[in-house]
Protein backbone atom coordinates (compact mmCIF):
# COMPACT_ATOMS: atom_id res chain seq x y z
CA MET A 1 89.54 88.89 120.03
CA ALA A 2 92.07 90.21 117.57
CA ARG A 3 96.03 90.13 117.98
CA ILE A 4 97.47 92.79 116.14
CA LEU A 5 101.31 93.19 115.28
CA VAL A 6 102.41 97.14 115.15
CA LEU A 7 105.94 97.50 113.45
CA ARG A 8 107.56 100.76 114.49
CA ILE A 9 111.70 100.43 114.84
CA SER A 10 113.04 103.61 115.00
CA ALA A 11 113.82 107.03 114.88
CA ILE A 12 113.55 108.20 118.90
CA GLY A 13 111.19 110.88 117.79
CA ASP A 14 108.93 109.09 115.50
CA VAL A 15 108.79 106.32 117.64
CA ALA A 16 107.72 108.87 120.61
CA MET A 17 104.93 110.03 118.01
CA THR A 18 103.35 106.43 117.78
CA ILE A 19 102.57 106.44 121.46
CA PRO A 20 98.98 108.78 121.75
CA VAL A 21 98.02 106.93 118.63
CA ILE A 22 98.74 103.12 120.00
CA TYR A 23 97.19 103.97 123.58
CA SER A 24 94.14 105.63 122.02
CA ALA A 25 93.81 102.72 119.74
CA ALA A 26 94.63 99.69 122.52
CA ARG A 27 91.73 101.95 124.39
CA SER A 28 89.20 102.10 121.93
CA ASN A 29 89.47 97.99 121.18
CA PRO A 30 89.82 96.40 124.80
CA GLY A 31 89.05 93.21 123.13
CA HIS A 32 92.04 93.21 120.95
CA THR A 33 95.46 92.83 122.40
CA PHE A 34 98.27 95.59 120.61
CA THR A 35 101.97 93.97 120.14
CA VAL A 36 104.90 96.67 119.27
CA VAL A 37 107.77 96.13 117.80
CA THR A 38 110.63 98.78 118.23
CA GLN A 39 114.47 99.47 119.60
CA ALA A 40 114.81 97.58 122.66
CA PHE A 41 116.32 100.51 123.90
CA LEU A 42 113.15 102.45 123.27
CA LYS A 43 110.65 99.80 125.41
CA PRO A 44 110.95 102.33 128.36
CA LEU A 45 109.09 105.53 126.34
CA PHE A 46 106.16 102.90 126.66
CA ILE A 47 105.31 104.37 130.30
CA HIS A 48 101.90 102.82 131.72
CA PRO A 49 100.70 101.32 128.76
CA PRO A 50 96.90 99.59 128.51
CA ALA A 51 96.83 96.37 129.71
CA ASN A 52 96.22 95.64 126.07
CA VAL A 53 99.85 96.70 125.13
CA GLU A 54 103.10 94.60 125.22
CA VAL A 55 106.11 95.95 123.40
CA ILE A 56 108.79 93.48 121.79
CA GLY A 57 112.54 94.71 121.58
CA ILE A 58 114.32 94.46 118.22
CA ASN A 59 118.14 95.35 118.36
CA THR A 60 119.66 96.30 115.28
CA ARG A 61 122.37 97.63 116.46
CA GLY A 62 123.13 94.01 117.73
CA ARG A 63 121.66 90.81 117.20
CA GLU A 64 119.50 91.83 114.21
CA HIS A 65 122.03 94.23 112.75
CA LYS A 66 122.76 91.65 109.70
CA LEU A 67 120.18 90.28 107.31
CA SER A 68 120.57 86.60 108.99
CA GLY A 69 119.50 87.89 112.67
CA LEU A 70 116.68 90.08 111.06
CA LEU A 71 115.38 87.04 109.42
CA ARG A 72 115.81 84.77 112.28
CA PHE A 73 114.14 87.52 114.36
CA ALA A 74 111.01 87.59 111.71
CA ALA A 75 110.74 83.87 111.64
CA VAL A 76 110.32 83.54 115.33
CA LEU A 77 107.97 86.56 115.31
CA ALA A 78 105.95 85.08 112.37
CA ARG A 79 105.30 81.76 114.83
CA GLN A 80 102.99 83.86 116.52
CA ARG A 81 99.42 84.30 116.09
CA TYR A 82 98.68 87.79 114.73
CA ASP A 83 95.68 88.32 112.80
CA LYS A 84 96.69 91.87 111.16
CA VAL A 85 100.18 93.36 110.76
CA LEU A 86 100.40 97.77 111.09
CA ASP A 87 103.40 98.44 109.51
CA LEU A 88 103.70 102.42 110.81
CA HIS A 89 107.67 102.31 109.23
CA ASP A 90 107.83 101.20 105.79
CA VAL A 91 111.23 100.49 105.41
CA LEU A 92 113.28 97.62 104.58
CA ARG A 93 113.22 96.10 108.12
CA THR A 94 109.52 96.12 108.46
CA ARG A 95 109.31 94.76 104.81
CA VAL A 96 111.03 91.90 105.42
CA ILE A 97 109.09 91.24 108.64
CA ARG A 98 105.94 91.91 107.11
CA THR A 99 106.55 89.61 104.09
CA PHE A 100 106.58 86.67 106.51
CA PHE A 101 103.05 87.46 107.35
CA ARG A 102 101.57 88.51 104.22
CA LEU A 103 103.03 84.65 103.12
CA LYS A 104 100.57 83.05 105.35
CA GLY A 105 97.83 85.21 104.24
CA ILE A 106 97.62 87.58 107.15
CA PRO A 107 96.36 91.17 106.42
CA VAL A 108 99.14 94.20 106.23
CA PHE A 109 98.44 97.50 106.68
CA ILE A 110 101.22 100.25 105.69
CA PHE A 111 101.61 103.88 106.57
CA ASP A 112 101.91 106.03 104.17
CA LYS A 113 105.19 108.66 104.03
CA ASN A 114 103.53 110.98 101.05
CA ARG A 115 107.10 110.82 99.31
CA LYS A 116 105.77 112.71 96.59
CA GLY A 117 104.33 115.53 98.88
CA ARG A 118 107.78 115.55 100.93
CA SER A 119 109.80 116.07 97.40
CA ALA A 120 107.61 119.08 96.31
CA LEU A 121 107.81 120.58 99.60
CA THR A 122 111.46 120.36 99.89
CA SER A 123 112.41 120.95 96.17
CA ARG A 124 114.64 124.11 95.46
CA ASN A 125 112.59 124.62 92.58
CA GLY A 126 108.89 124.71 92.05
CA LYS A 127 108.78 124.91 95.91
CA VAL A 128 104.95 123.96 97.06
CA MET A 129 104.68 125.10 100.49
CA GLN A 130 101.80 123.68 102.14
CA PRO A 131 101.29 121.42 105.28
CA LEU A 132 101.17 117.73 104.69
CA ARG A 133 98.73 115.93 106.63
CA PRO A 134 100.53 115.32 110.19
CA VAL A 135 102.27 111.85 110.43
CA ILE A 136 100.11 111.06 113.95
CA ASP A 137 97.35 111.33 111.60
CA ARG A 138 98.36 109.30 109.11
CA TYR A 139 99.47 106.51 111.70
CA ILE A 140 95.75 107.30 113.27
CA ASP A 141 94.91 106.45 109.14
CA VAL A 142 96.49 102.69 109.36
CA PHE A 143 94.32 102.03 112.39
CA ARG A 144 91.31 102.80 110.96
CA GLU A 145 92.08 101.18 107.36
CA ALA A 146 92.32 98.13 109.70
CA GLY A 147 89.19 98.17 110.37
CA LEU A 148 89.85 99.18 114.35
CA ALA A 149 87.75 101.68 116.08
CA TYR A 150 89.67 104.65 117.16
CA GLU A 151 88.71 107.43 119.53
CA GLU A 152 91.73 110.00 120.61
CA THR A 153 91.96 109.36 124.54
CA PHE A 154 95.81 110.11 125.31
CA VAL A 155 96.62 112.94 127.45
CA SER A 156 99.95 112.04 128.93
CA LEU A 157 102.05 109.17 130.05
CA PHE A 158 101.34 110.24 133.31
CA ARG A 159 97.30 110.65 133.24
CA ASP A 160 96.87 108.19 135.53
CA HIS A 161 100.08 108.02 137.36
CA PRO A 162 101.55 111.14 138.65
CA ALA A 163 105.41 111.44 138.02
CA ASP A 164 107.96 110.43 140.51
CA ILE A 165 110.62 112.45 140.68
CA ALA A 166 111.80 111.38 144.31
CA ALA A 167 114.92 109.42 142.80
CA MET A 168 116.11 112.63 141.15
CA GLU A 169 115.73 115.27 144.10
CA ALA A 170 119.24 114.75 145.49
CA THR A 171 120.16 116.31 141.98
CA VAL A 172 117.44 118.20 141.30
CA GLY A 173 116.08 119.40 144.72
CA VAL A 174 112.55 120.07 145.40
CA LYS A 175 111.05 122.24 142.66
CA GLN A 176 110.78 125.82 143.55
CA GLY A 177 110.47 128.60 141.19
CA ASN A 178 110.55 127.92 137.20
CA TRP A 179 112.14 124.81 135.75
CA ILE A 180 113.14 125.28 132.20
CA GLY A 181 114.83 122.69 130.02
CA ILE A 182 116.86 123.20 127.26
CA ALA A 183 117.55 120.48 124.85
CA PRO A 184 120.50 121.98 122.15
CA PHE A 185 120.72 119.20 119.88
CA ALA A 186 119.16 117.07 117.16
CA ARG A 187 120.69 114.46 114.93
CA HIS A 188 121.75 116.80 112.10
CA PRO A 189 122.86 120.40 112.02
CA GLY A 190 120.33 121.64 109.85
CA LYS A 191 117.90 121.10 112.88
CA ILE A 192 120.52 122.47 115.35
CA TYR A 193 120.64 126.14 116.49
CA PRO A 194 124.08 127.71 117.19
CA ILE A 195 125.46 126.58 120.04
CA GLU A 196 126.95 129.70 121.03
CA ARG A 197 123.48 131.51 120.82
CA THR A 198 121.93 128.71 122.81
CA GLU A 199 124.77 129.30 125.21
CA GLN A 200 123.59 132.81 125.36
CA ILE A 201 120.06 131.82 126.18
CA VAL A 202 121.07 129.35 128.93
CA GLU A 203 123.21 132.24 130.70
CA THR A 204 120.04 134.76 130.46
CA LEU A 205 118.09 132.39 131.98
CA ALA A 206 120.55 130.76 134.85
CA ARG A 207 121.21 134.58 136.15
CA GLN A 208 117.45 135.34 136.76
CA GLU A 209 116.15 135.09 140.20
CA GLY A 210 113.78 131.75 140.20
CA ASN A 211 115.23 129.90 137.57
CA THR A 212 116.51 126.10 137.39
CA VAL A 213 117.71 124.93 134.16
CA PHE A 214 117.93 121.60 133.25
CA LEU A 215 120.25 120.45 130.05
CA PHE A 216 119.57 117.27 127.84
CA GLY A 217 121.13 115.81 125.13
CA GLY A 218 123.41 112.48 124.81
CA ARG A 219 127.22 111.42 125.70
CA GLY A 220 130.13 112.40 124.26
CA GLU A 221 130.82 116.01 122.44
CA GLU A 222 126.88 116.84 123.82
CA GLU A 223 127.63 115.87 127.24
CA ILE A 224 130.94 117.84 127.45
CA ILE A 225 129.54 121.44 126.05
CA LEU A 226 126.56 121.06 128.69
CA THR A 227 128.58 119.56 131.55
CA HIS A 228 130.78 123.06 130.84
CA TRP A 229 127.39 124.96 130.84
CA ALA A 230 126.57 123.54 134.24
CA SER A 231 129.84 124.27 135.44
CA VAL A 232 130.13 127.56 134.60
CA TYR A 233 126.61 129.22 135.14
CA PRO A 234 124.63 129.11 138.46
CA ASN A 235 121.24 127.14 138.77
CA VAL A 236 122.05 124.94 135.96
CA ILE A 237 121.98 121.32 136.38
CA SER A 238 122.93 118.77 133.43
CA VAL A 239 121.03 115.25 133.30
CA VAL A 240 122.72 113.87 130.83
CA GLY A 241 123.49 110.02 131.36
CA ARG A 242 122.30 110.25 135.12
CA TYR A 243 118.73 108.40 134.74
CA PRO A 244 117.17 106.31 132.57
CA LEU A 245 114.79 107.48 129.59
CA ASP A 246 111.53 106.93 132.26
CA THR A 247 112.95 109.04 134.94
CA GLU A 248 113.89 112.08 132.40
CA LEU A 249 110.22 111.76 131.22
CA ALA A 250 109.39 112.04 134.62
CA LEU A 251 111.42 115.22 135.17
CA ILE A 252 110.52 116.88 131.81
CA SER A 253 107.03 116.49 132.86
CA ARG A 254 107.58 118.42 135.85
CA LEU A 255 109.06 121.60 133.72
CA ASP A 256 107.29 125.11 132.74
CA VAL A 257 108.71 124.82 129.34
CA LEU A 258 111.45 123.09 127.27
CA PHE A 259 113.27 124.79 124.76
CA SER A 260 114.32 122.40 121.94
CA MET A 261 115.29 121.59 118.34
CA ASP A 262 112.89 119.76 116.23
CA SER A 263 114.21 116.56 118.03
CA ALA A 264 113.11 113.89 120.13
CA ASN A 265 112.80 115.74 122.90
CA MET A 266 110.12 117.94 121.52
CA HIS A 267 108.27 114.52 121.45
CA PHE A 268 109.03 113.56 124.99
CA ALA A 269 107.86 116.67 126.21
CA SER A 270 104.66 116.51 124.08
CA LEU A 271 104.11 112.93 125.46
CA VAL A 272 104.02 114.38 129.26
CA GLY A 273 101.87 117.27 128.53
CA THR A 274 104.88 120.11 128.81
CA PRO A 275 104.69 123.14 126.46
CA VAL A 276 107.48 123.64 123.99
CA VAL A 277 109.09 126.51 122.49
CA SER A 278 111.15 124.48 119.10
CA VAL A 279 113.27 126.40 116.68
CA TRP A 280 113.38 125.22 113.07
CA GLY A 281 115.74 125.41 110.52
CA ALA A 282 116.69 123.41 107.57
CA THR A 283 112.94 121.64 108.64
CA HIS A 284 109.70 122.46 108.50
CA PRO A 285 106.39 121.65 110.49
CA TYR A 286 104.47 121.69 107.16
CA ALA A 287 106.33 118.15 106.76
CA GLY A 288 104.39 116.61 109.63
CA PHE A 289 106.44 116.23 112.40
CA TYR A 290 105.56 119.22 114.61
CA GLY A 291 104.79 118.13 118.40
CA TRP A 292 101.56 116.34 119.46
CA LYS A 293 99.46 119.32 120.60
CA GLN A 294 101.81 121.82 121.11
CA GLU A 295 100.84 125.09 120.24
CA ALA A 296 101.59 126.30 116.64
CA GLY A 297 102.83 129.98 117.44
CA ASN A 298 105.53 128.17 119.78
CA CYS A 299 107.27 127.39 116.35
CA ILE A 300 110.11 129.75 115.97
CA GLN A 301 111.42 130.06 112.25
CA SER A 302 112.79 132.12 109.60
CA ALA A 303 110.95 132.99 106.65
CA LEU A 304 113.53 132.17 103.73
CA PRO A 305 112.40 130.79 100.45
CA CYS A 306 114.59 128.16 100.78
CA ARG A 307 112.91 126.61 103.57
CA PRO A 308 112.37 123.74 104.28
CA CYS A 309 114.98 122.14 102.09
CA SER A 310 114.92 118.66 104.09
CA VAL A 311 112.55 116.61 105.67
CA PHE A 312 115.01 115.47 108.46
CA GLY A 313 117.67 117.99 108.31
CA ASP A 314 120.09 115.87 106.96
CA LYS A 315 120.49 117.50 103.59
CA PRO A 316 123.98 120.16 103.51
CA CYS A 317 122.87 124.10 103.26
CA PHE A 318 123.40 124.47 99.42
CA ARG A 319 124.11 128.93 100.49
CA GLY A 320 126.89 127.43 103.02
CA ASP A 321 125.70 129.60 106.02
CA TRP A 322 122.70 127.84 107.84
CA ALA A 323 120.87 131.39 107.54
CA CYS A 324 117.87 129.95 108.77
CA MET A 325 119.19 129.32 112.01
CA ALA A 326 121.74 132.44 112.10
CA GLN A 327 119.10 134.83 111.47
CA ILE A 328 117.03 134.03 114.65
CA GLU A 329 118.03 136.08 117.78
CA PRO A 330 118.36 134.77 121.27
CA GLU A 331 115.97 137.63 122.42
CA THR A 332 113.16 135.80 119.72
CA ILE A 333 113.60 132.68 122.04
CA LEU A 334 113.90 134.62 125.24
CA ARG A 335 110.68 135.99 124.76
CA LYS A 336 108.77 133.20 123.76
CA ILE A 337 110.19 131.18 127.19
CA LYS A 338 109.78 133.68 129.69
CA SER A 339 105.71 133.96 128.24
CA TYR A 340 105.57 130.48 130.25
CA LEU A 341 107.17 131.72 133.30
């Protein structure tokens, strides 16, 4: 029996994309054990893991933020007996951790980010508009390169254990009619549809009989906006900050459809088998980050020659007008959402 160490520290959506691969790999290799290192606050994502999977939390916002803390963490981890290390991240922190194992002669297998392909895809001049190998497929490559069997068996986090939303029923009620999720935010502005237009979508859906709209987002400014929408439009419920991540995932699994940006929520819905209508601006599915098993036709985007200008949406718009998002009409998104209702 081999002990496999898997490293993927962040970001939220990228960690979510590892789950179908890790669960499938674990079930394909029942004689081995898999230990996953990720952010401590993301451990609740790993719902109902196979029996041979455990998750260890690292806190890079706290104790392991500085190099000294990271070195201590890596030294303690390296004292455990692992037979192989799979680095699905390949950033400075995972390089530090994997170095401890390499010095002990433990084989390390590393995720290929295809930086050259990403650069060509997002270049302003000489852009090469070709789809890159999906990130999830490149995660699978690492497991196979490590000599592990791999058969895709993952279906949903709730495949064998139906989602239980009893703890939420005081807030969300018992499901009647259509349940629609709206997740209007992302980490970077290049991935956010104009908020005033998203509000139009929320209002239109909320005023149609039989619809209940659930709003997903983060604390701070996002919470203020979503709480306001929930207060002025009928049949709209903001769940921001009300429930732990695993409970939110249970709710997402009960939705008929989720409207999302190119963000973590798209990947959350993918993990629980919920269809996603996603809108893309500065980024593009060609970069390989499209939701796992999501229908390609549910991706809404404008045909601008400058797209994509960024892999992660973190670059400023050189045009200055974010036309990639502004040119998409709310009616286009509403038609696609309504096709699931």
